[in-house]
Amino acid sequence: MKNIGIILIVIGVVMMLITGFNFVTHKEVAEIGTMHITQKENHPVQWSPIVGGVLLVAGVVLLLTGKKSN
């Protein structure tokens, strides 16, 4: 349980500091002979820092309850 608690703490801190990221895909719009026309599409992925805080608290709780049972 202590390992899961530590992992949740690390993920929670990272999610609070970094609230999202973008990834880009290339979409083929048209193909005329040997010429290809592509378009870049931006796909943002974002989450609330509150989610990171919840994971952080859950990790601390798991870490503390894991210590008491040993």
Protein backbone atom coordinates (compact mmCIF):
# COMPACT_ATOMS: atom_id res chain seq x y z
CA MET A 1 0.00 0.00 0.00
CA LYS A 2 2.90 2.32 0.69
CA ASN A 3 4.11 1.99 -2.92
CA ILE A 4 0.69 2.90 -4.29
CA GLY A 5 0.55 5.87 -1.92
CA ILE A 6 3.93 7.15 -3.13
CA ILE A 7 2.89 6.73 -6.77
CA LEU A 8 -0.35 8.65 -6.14
CA ILE A 9 1.55 11.45 -4.41
CA VAL A 10 3.95 11.81 -7.34
CA ILE A 11 1.15 11.73 -9.92
CA GLY A 12 -0.88 14.23 -7.87
CA VAL A 13 2.01 16.71 -7.65
CA VAL A 14 2.72 16.41 -11.38
CA MET A 15 -0.97 16.89 -12.23
CA MET A 16 -1.10 20.00 -10.05
CA LEU A 17 1.97 21.51 -11.73
CA ILE A 18 1.18 20.49 -15.31
CA THR A 19 -2.51 20.98 -16.04
CA GLY A 20 -2.53 19.68 -19.59
CA PHE A 21 -0.71 19.06 -22.84
CA ASN A 22 -1.29 19.18 -26.59
CA PHE A 23 -0.61 16.61 -29.22
CA VAL A 24 -0.63 17.24 -32.95
CA THR A 25 -1.89 14.91 -35.65
CA HIS A 26 -1.61 15.33 -39.40
CA LYS A 27 -4.77 14.86 -41.45
CA GLU A 28 -4.62 14.38 -45.20
CA VAL A 29 -7.03 16.87 -46.75
CA ALA A 30 -6.49 16.21 -50.44
CA GLU A 31 -4.34 14.17 -52.78
CA ILE A 32 -3.87 15.45 -56.31
CA GLY A 33 -1.54 13.22 -58.29
CA THR A 34 1.77 13.19 -56.44
CA MET A 35 0.88 16.24 -54.39
CA HIS A 36 -0.48 15.69 -50.86
CA ILE A 37 -2.14 18.44 -48.84
CA THR A 38 -2.15 17.87 -45.10
CA GLN A 39 -3.51 19.82 -42.19
CA LYS A 40 -2.16 19.87 -38.64
CA GLU A 41 -4.80 19.32 -35.98
CA ASN A 42 -4.17 20.36 -32.39
CA HIS A 43 -5.72 18.12 -29.69
CA PRO A 44 -5.57 19.68 -26.22
CA VAL A 45 -5.86 17.39 -23.19
CA GLN A 46 -6.52 19.29 -19.98
CA TRP A 47 -7.57 18.50 -16.42
CA SER A 48 -8.29 20.48 -13.30
CA PRO A 49 -5.53 20.83 -10.70
CA ILE A 50 -8.18 19.76 -8.18
CA VAL A 51 -7.84 16.21 -9.55
CA GLY A 52 -4.13 16.34 -8.72
CA GLY A 53 -4.94 17.56 -5.21
CA VAL A 54 -7.38 14.70 -4.68
CA LEU A 55 -4.76 12.17 -5.81
CA LEU A 56 -2.19 13.81 -3.55
CA VAL A 57 -4.47 13.57 -0.51
CA ALA A 58 -5.39 9.97 -1.36
CA GLY A 59 -1.70 9.09 -1.60
CA VAL A 60 -0.94 10.67 1.77
CA VAL A 61 -3.85 8.79 3.36
CA LEU A 62 -2.63 5.49 1.89
CA LEU A 63 0.91 6.22 3.02
CA LEU A 64 -0.17 7.02 6.59
CA THR A 65 -2.55 4.07 6.92
CA GLY A 66 0.13 1.78 5.49
CA LYS A 67 2.55 2.81 8.24
CA LYS A 68 0.03 2.14 11.02
CA SER A 69 -0.64 -1.45 9.91
CA ASN A 70 3.07 -2.43 9.96
